[in-house]
Amino acid sequence: MSYELIRFAAKYRKGLMATLTTPGLWLQRVTTKPPQTIRPPSRFAARRRIELEKAQGGELVIAYRA
């Protein structure tokens, strides 16, 4: 039902509907952030981690999501 209300509000952005939806849209804009991209660690940082782990006698396994 909420989806249909949003569609209706987007279709009729004049008069009463604009008055009713504007505060909600403003609040949404103020309270949300754009998504942040997650970057994999640099090759230098990964090599450094491997060196540190080997120096401590262990083995570091790095897995990346495709």
PDB file of N, CA and C in Angstrom:
ATOM      1  N   MET A   1       0.821  -1.191   0.000  1.00  0.00           N
ATOM      2  CA  MET A   1       0.000   0.000   0.000  1.00  0.00           C
ATOM      3  C   MET A   1       0.872   1.264   0.000  1.00  0.00           C
ATOM      4  N   SER A   2       1.963   1.219   0.748  1.00  0.00           N
ATOM      5  CA  SER A   2       2.854   2.383   0.799  1.00  0.00           C
ATOM      6  C   SER A   2       3.445   2.682  -0.572  1.00  0.00           C
ATOM      7  N   TYR A   3       3.787   1.619  -1.300  1.00  0.00           N
ATOM      8  CA  TYR A   3       4.357   1.801  -2.633  1.00  0.00           C
ATOM      9  C   TYR A   3       3.371   2.527  -3.546  1.00  0.00           C
ATOM     10  N   GLU A   4       2.100   2.140  -3.478  1.00  0.00           N
ATOM     11  CA  GLU A   4       1.085   2.790  -4.311  1.00  0.00           C
ATOM     12  C   GLU A   4       0.925   4.256  -3.924  1.00  0.00           C
ATOM     13  N   LEU A   5       1.011   4.552  -2.655  1.00  0.00           N
ATOM     14  CA  LEU A   5       0.916   5.944  -2.204  1.00  0.00           C
ATOM     15  C   LEU A   5       2.099   6.762  -2.726  1.00  0.00           C
ATOM     16  N   ILE A   6       3.271   6.181  -2.708  1.00  0.00           N
ATOM     17  CA  ILE A   6       4.456   6.873  -3.227  1.00  0.00           C
ATOM     18  C   ILE A   6       4.310   7.119  -4.723  1.00  0.00           C
ATOM     19  N   ARG A   7       3.846   6.115  -5.451  1.00  0.00           N
ATOM     20  CA  ARG A   7       3.628   6.287  -6.896  1.00  0.00           C
ATOM     21  C   ARG A   7       2.607   7.389  -7.171  1.00  0.00           C
ATOM     22  N   PHE A   8       1.522   7.393  -6.409  1.00  0.00           N
ATOM     23  CA  PHE A   8       0.482   8.408  -6.587  1.00  0.00           C
ATOM     24  C   PHE A   8       1.035   9.801  -6.301  1.00  0.00           C
ATOM     25  N   ALA A   9       1.813   9.913  -5.220  1.00  0.00           N
ATOM     26  CA  ALA A   9       2.388  11.202  -4.857  1.00  0.00           C
ATOM     27  C   ALA A   9       3.368  11.694  -5.924  1.00  0.00           C
ATOM     28  N   ALA A  10       4.119  10.775  -6.529  1.00  0.00           N
ATOM     29  CA  ALA A  10       5.069  11.164  -7.570  1.00  0.00           C
ATOM     30  C   ALA A  10       4.340  11.602  -8.839  1.00  0.00           C
ATOM     31  N   LYS A  11       3.195  10.993  -9.096  1.00  0.00           N
ATOM     32  CA  LYS A  11       2.445  11.304 -10.308  1.00  0.00           C
ATOM     33  C   LYS A  11       1.747  12.665 -10.203  1.00  0.00           C
ATOM     34  N   TYR A  12       1.237  12.982  -9.045  1.00  0.00           N
ATOM     35  CA  TYR A  12       0.497  14.234  -8.841  1.00  0.00           C
ATOM     36  C   TYR A  12       1.247  15.122  -7.859  1.00  0.00           C
ATOM     37  N   ARG A  13       2.280  15.805  -8.334  1.00  0.00           N
ATOM     38  CA  ARG A  13       3.118  16.650  -7.481  1.00  0.00           C
ATOM     39  C   ARG A  13       2.626  18.088  -7.433  1.00  0.00           C
ATOM     40  N   LYS A  14       1.325  18.305  -7.475  1.00  0.00           N
ATOM     41  CA  LYS A  14       0.777  19.655  -7.418  1.00  0.00           C
ATOM     42  C   LYS A  14      -0.259  19.742  -6.314  1.00  0.00           C
ATOM     43  N   GLY A  15      -0.453  20.942  -5.824  1.00  0.00           N
ATOM     44  CA  GLY A  15      -1.522  21.209  -4.870  1.00  0.00           C
ATOM     45  C   GLY A  15      -1.362  20.512  -3.530  1.00  0.00           C
ATOM     46  N   LEU A  16      -2.448  19.879  -3.100  1.00  0.00           N
ATOM     47  CA  LEU A  16      -2.493  19.261  -1.777  1.00  0.00           C
ATOM     48  C   LEU A  16      -1.470  18.135  -1.633  1.00  0.00           C
ATOM     49  N   MET A  17      -1.305  17.336  -2.657  1.00  0.00           N
ATOM     50  CA  MET A  17      -0.359  16.217  -2.575  1.00  0.00           C
ATOM     51  C   MET A  17       1.069  16.721  -2.371  1.00  0.00           C
ATOM     52  N   ALA A  18       1.440  17.788  -3.043  1.00  0.00           N
ATOM     53  CA  ALA A  18       2.782  18.357  -2.858  1.00  0.00           C
ATOM     54  C   ALA A  18       2.941  18.879  -1.436  1.00  0.00           C
ATOM     55  N   THR A  19       1.906  19.483  -0.908  1.00  0.00           N
ATOM     56  CA  THR A  19       1.951  20.008   0.450  1.00  0.00           C
ATOM     57  C   THR A  19       2.114  18.877   1.467  1.00  0.00           C
ATOM     58  N   LEU A  20       1.460  17.751   1.220  1.00  0.00           N
ATOM     59  CA  LEU A  20       1.527  16.641   2.153  1.00  0.00           C
ATOM     60  C   LEU A  20       2.840  15.863   2.059  1.00  0.00           C
ATOM     61  N   THR A  21       3.422  15.776   0.887  1.00  0.00           N
ATOM     62  CA  THR A  21       4.619  14.946   0.710  1.00  0.00           C
ATOM     63  C   THR A  21       5.940  15.694   0.878  1.00  0.00           C
ATOM     64  N   THR A  22       5.947  16.988   0.728  1.00  0.00           N
ATOM     65  CA  THR A  22       7.190  17.754   0.802  1.00  0.00           C
ATOM     66  C   THR A  22       7.923  17.599   2.135  1.00  0.00           C
ATOM     67  N   PRO A  23       7.252  17.704   3.291  1.00  0.00           N
ATOM     68  CA  PRO A  23       7.992  17.533   4.554  1.00  0.00           C
ATOM     69  C   PRO A  23       8.638  16.148   4.687  1.00  0.00           C
ATOM     70  N   GLY A  24       7.955  15.110   4.244  1.00  0.00           N
ATOM     71  CA  GLY A  24       8.518  13.762   4.316  1.00  0.00           C
ATOM     72  C   GLY A  24       9.728  13.609   3.422  1.00  0.00           C
ATOM     73  N   LEU A  25       9.662  14.166   2.214  1.00  0.00           N
ATOM     74  CA  LEU A  25      10.799  14.096   1.299  1.00  0.00           C
ATOM     75  C   LEU A  25      11.982  14.895   1.833  1.00  0.00           C
ATOM     76  N   TRP A  26      11.687  16.046   2.452  1.00  0.00           N
ATOM     77  CA  TRP A  26      12.747  16.859   3.032  1.00  0.00           C
ATOM     78  C   TRP A  26      13.421  16.098   4.183  1.00  0.00           C
ATOM     79  N   LEU A  27      12.621  15.476   5.034  1.00  0.00           N
ATOM     80  CA  LEU A  27      13.165  14.729   6.159  1.00  0.00           C
ATOM     81  C   LEU A  27      14.010  13.551   5.677  1.00  0.00           C
ATOM     82  N   GLN A  28      13.566  12.891   4.639  1.00  0.00           N
ATOM     83  CA  GLN A  28      14.330  11.778   4.085  1.00  0.00           C
ATOM     84  C   GLN A  28      15.676  12.258   3.551  1.00  0.00           C
ATOM     85  N   ARG A  29      15.688  13.384   2.884  1.00  0.00           N
ATOM     86  CA  ARG A  29      16.928  13.920   2.344  1.00  0.00           C
ATOM     87  C   ARG A  29      17.898  14.319   3.451  1.00  0.00           C
ATOM     88  N   VAL A  30      17.378  14.865   4.539  1.00  0.00           N
ATOM     89  CA  VAL A  30      18.224  15.313   5.642  1.00  0.00           C
ATOM     90  C   VAL A  30      18.799  14.130   6.416  1.00  0.00           C
ATOM     91  N   THR A  31      18.039  13.049   6.558  1.00  0.00           N
ATOM     92  CA  THR A  31      18.439  11.953   7.443  1.00  0.00           C
ATOM     93  C   THR A  31      19.128  10.791   6.752  1.00  0.00           C
ATOM     94  N   THR A  32      19.279  10.797   5.445  1.00  0.00           N
ATOM     95  CA  THR A  32      19.935   9.685   4.772  1.00  0.00           C
ATOM     96  C   THR A  32      21.230  10.140   4.125  1.00  0.00           C
ATOM     97  N   LYS A  33      22.150   9.205   3.995  1.00  0.00           N
ATOM     98  CA  LYS A  33      23.433   9.478   3.358  1.00  0.00           C
ATOM     99  C   LYS A  33      23.541   8.622   2.100  1.00  0.00           C
ATOM    100  N   PRO A  34      24.300   9.065   1.118  1.00  0.00           N
ATOM    101  CA  PRO A  34      24.534   8.206  -0.038  1.00  0.00           C
ATOM    102  C   PRO A  34      25.372   6.998   0.377  1.00  0.00           C
ATOM    103  N   PRO A  35      25.190   5.863  -0.274  1.00  0.00           N
ATOM    104  CA  PRO A  35      25.969   4.681   0.108  1.00  0.00           C
ATOM    105  C   PRO A  35      27.458   4.894  -0.130  1.00  0.00           C
ATOM    106  N   GLN A  36      28.254   4.333   0.750  1.00  0.00           N
ATOM    107  CA  GLN A  36      29.702   4.430   0.612  1.00  0.00           C
ATOM    108  C   GLN A  36      30.208   3.182  -0.085  1.00  0.00           C
ATOM    109  N   THR A  37      31.162   3.372  -0.957  1.00  0.00           N
ATOM    110  CA  THR A  37      31.740   2.214  -1.642  1.00  0.00           C
ATOM    111  C   THR A  37      32.812   1.611  -0.747  1.00  0.00           C
ATOM    112  N   ILE A  38      32.886   0.301  -0.750  1.00  0.00           N
ATOM    113  CA  ILE A  38      33.890  -0.396   0.037  1.00  0.00           C
ATOM    114  C   ILE A  38      35.007  -0.820  -0.911  1.00  0.00           C
ATOM    115  N   ARG A  39      36.181  -0.307  -0.653  1.00  0.00           N
ATOM    116  CA  ARG A  39      37.314  -0.621  -1.513  1.00  0.00           C
ATOM    117  C   ARG A  39      38.156  -1.714  -0.879  1.00  0.00           C
ATOM    118  N   PRO A  40      38.650  -2.633  -1.683  1.00  0.00           N
ATOM    119  CA  PRO A  40      39.547  -3.649  -1.125  1.00  0.00           C
ATOM    120  C   PRO A  40      40.871  -2.996  -0.729  1.00  0.00           C
ATOM    121  N   PRO A  41      41.592  -3.589   0.197  1.00  0.00           N
ATOM    122  CA  PRO A  41      42.867  -3.001   0.615  1.00  0.00           C
ATOM    123  C   PRO A  41      43.860  -2.967  -0.543  1.00  0.00           C
ATOM    124  N   SER A  42      44.751  -2.017  -0.476  1.00  0.00           N
ATOM    125  CA  SER A  42      45.753  -1.890  -1.531  1.00  0.00           C
ATOM    126  C   SER A  42      46.716  -3.062  -1.480  1.00  0.00           C
ATOM    127  N   ARG A  43      47.424  -3.285  -2.581  1.00  0.00           N
ATOM    128  CA  ARG A  43      48.398  -4.377  -2.640  1.00  0.00           C
ATOM    129  C   ARG A  43      49.500  -4.180  -1.606  1.00  0.00           C
ATOM    130  N   PHE A  44      49.910  -2.922  -1.420  1.00  0.00           N
ATOM    131  CA  PHE A  44      50.968  -2.643  -0.456  1.00  0.00           C
ATOM    132  C   PHE A  44      50.512  -3.031   0.946  1.00  0.00           C
ATOM    133  N   ALA A  45      49.292  -2.651   1.302  1.00  0.00           N
ATOM    134  CA  ALA A  45      48.780  -2.967   2.640  1.00  0.00           C
ATOM    135  C   ALA A  45      48.651  -4.478   2.815  1.00  0.00           C
ATOM    136  N   ALA A  46      48.196  -5.175   1.787  1.00  0.00           N
ATOM    137  CA  ALA A  46      48.054  -6.629   1.873  1.00  0.00           C
ATOM    138  C   ALA A  46      49.419  -7.294   2.036  1.00  0.00           C
ATOM    139  N   ARG A  47      50.398  -6.837   1.278  1.00  0.00           N
ATOM    140  CA  ARG A  47      51.751  -7.412   1.402  1.00  0.00           C
ATOM    141  C   ARG A  47      52.312  -7.181   2.801  1.00  0.00           C
ATOM    142  N   ARG A  48      52.088  -5.986   3.300  1.00  0.00           N
ATOM    143  CA  ARG A  48      52.587  -5.641   4.644  1.00  0.00           C
ATOM    144  C   ARG A  48      51.943  -6.535   5.698  1.00  0.00           C
ATOM    145  N   ARG A  49      50.648  -6.798   5.573  1.00  0.00           N
ATOM    146  CA  ARG A  49      49.967  -7.677   6.525  1.00  0.00           C
ATOM    147  C   ARG A  49      50.538  -9.091   6.468  1.00  0.00           C
ATOM    148  N   ILE A  50      50.801  -9.565   5.257  1.00  0.00           N
ATOM    149  CA  ILE A  50      51.366 -10.903   5.088  1.00  0.00           C
ATOM    150  C   ILE A  50      52.751 -10.979   5.728  1.00  0.00           C
ATOM    151  N   GLU A  51      53.562  -9.949   5.512  1.00  0.00           N
ATOM    152  CA  GLU A  51      54.901  -9.926   6.107  1.00  0.00           C
ATOM    153  C   GLU A  51      54.820  -9.927   7.629  1.00  0.00           C
ATOM    154  N   LEU A  52      53.925  -9.138   8.193  1.00  0.00           N
ATOM    155  CA  LEU A  52      53.779  -9.092   9.643  1.00  0.00           C
ATOM    156  C   LEU A  52      53.315 -10.434  10.198  1.00  0.00           C
ATOM    157  N   GLU A  53      52.386 -11.058   9.523  1.00  0.00           N
ATOM    158  CA  GLU A  53      51.861 -12.347   9.978  1.00  0.00           C
ATOM    159  C   GLU A  53      52.953 -13.419   9.908  1.00  0.00           C
ATOM    160  N   LYS A  54      53.723 -13.437   8.822  1.00  0.00           N
ATOM    161  CA  LYS A  54      54.811 -14.416   8.704  1.00  0.00           C
ATOM    162  C   LYS A  54      55.875 -14.189   9.767  1.00  0.00           C
ATOM    163  N   ALA A  55      56.157 -12.917  10.091  1.00  0.00           N
ATOM    164  CA  ALA A  55      57.145 -12.610  11.123  1.00  0.00           C
ATOM    165  C   ALA A  55      56.689 -13.130  12.481  1.00  0.00           C
ATOM    166  N   GLN A  56      55.394 -13.229  12.691  1.00  0.00           N
ATOM    167  CA  GLN A  56      54.863 -13.733  13.957  1.00  0.00           C
ATOM    168  C   GLN A  56      54.644 -15.241  13.916  1.00  0.00           C
ATOM    169  N   GLY A  57      54.983 -15.875  12.798  1.00  0.00           N
ATOM    170  CA  GLY A  57      54.899 -17.315  12.707  1.00  0.00           C
ATOM    171  C   GLY A  57      53.586 -17.858  12.174  1.00  0.00           C
ATOM    172  N   GLY A  58      52.737 -17.026  11.664  1.00  0.00           N
ATOM    173  CA  GLY A  58      51.450 -17.488  11.153  1.00  0.00           C
ATOM    174  C   GLY A  58      51.354 -17.316   9.653  1.00  0.00           C
ATOM    175  N   GLU A  59      50.174 -17.580   9.133  1.00  0.00           N
ATOM    176  CA  GLU A  59      49.922 -17.418   7.708  1.00  0.00           C
ATOM    177  C   GLU A  59      48.622 -16.642   7.541  1.00  0.00           C
ATOM    178  N   LEU A  60      48.666 -15.590   6.773  1.00  0.00           N
ATOM    179  CA  LEU A  60      47.489 -14.753   6.567  1.00  0.00           C
ATOM    180  C   LEU A  60      46.777 -15.174   5.295  1.00  0.00           C
ATOM    181  N   VAL A  61      45.486 -15.360   5.384  1.00  0.00           N
ATOM    182  CA  VAL A  61      44.676 -15.723   4.232  1.00  0.00           C
ATOM    183  C   VAL A  61      43.740 -14.558   3.951  1.00  0.00           C
ATOM    184  N   ILE A  62      43.819 -14.010   2.745  1.00  0.00           N
ATOM    185  CA  ILE A  62      42.975 -12.878   2.365  1.00  0.00           C
ATOM    186  C   ILE A  62      41.987 -13.352   1.314  1.00  0.00           C
ATOM    187  N   ALA A  63      40.718 -13.124   1.565  1.00  0.00           N
ATOM    188  CA  ALA A  63      39.674 -13.535   0.625  1.00  0.00           C
ATOM    189  C   ALA A  63      38.929 -12.299   0.131  1.00  0.00           C
ATOM    190  N   TYR A  64      38.747 -12.202  -1.157  1.00  0.00           N
ATOM    191  CA  TYR A  64      38.007 -11.086  -1.747  1.00  0.00           C
ATOM    192  C   TYR A  64      36.692 -11.615  -2.308  1.00  0.00           C
ATOM    193  N   ARG A  65      35.664 -10.808  -2.195  1.00  0.00           N
ATOM    194  CA  ARG A  65      34.388 -11.150  -2.837  1.00  0.00           C
ATOM    195  C   ARG A  65      34.411 -10.662  -4.267  1.00  0.00           C
ATOM    196  N   ALA A  66      33.906 -11.451  -5.135  1.00  0.00           N
ATOM    197  CA  ALA A  66      33.881 -11.073  -6.541  1.00  0.00           C
ATOM    198  C   ALA A  66      32.636 -10.295  -6.853  1.00  0.00           C
TER     199      ALA A  66
END
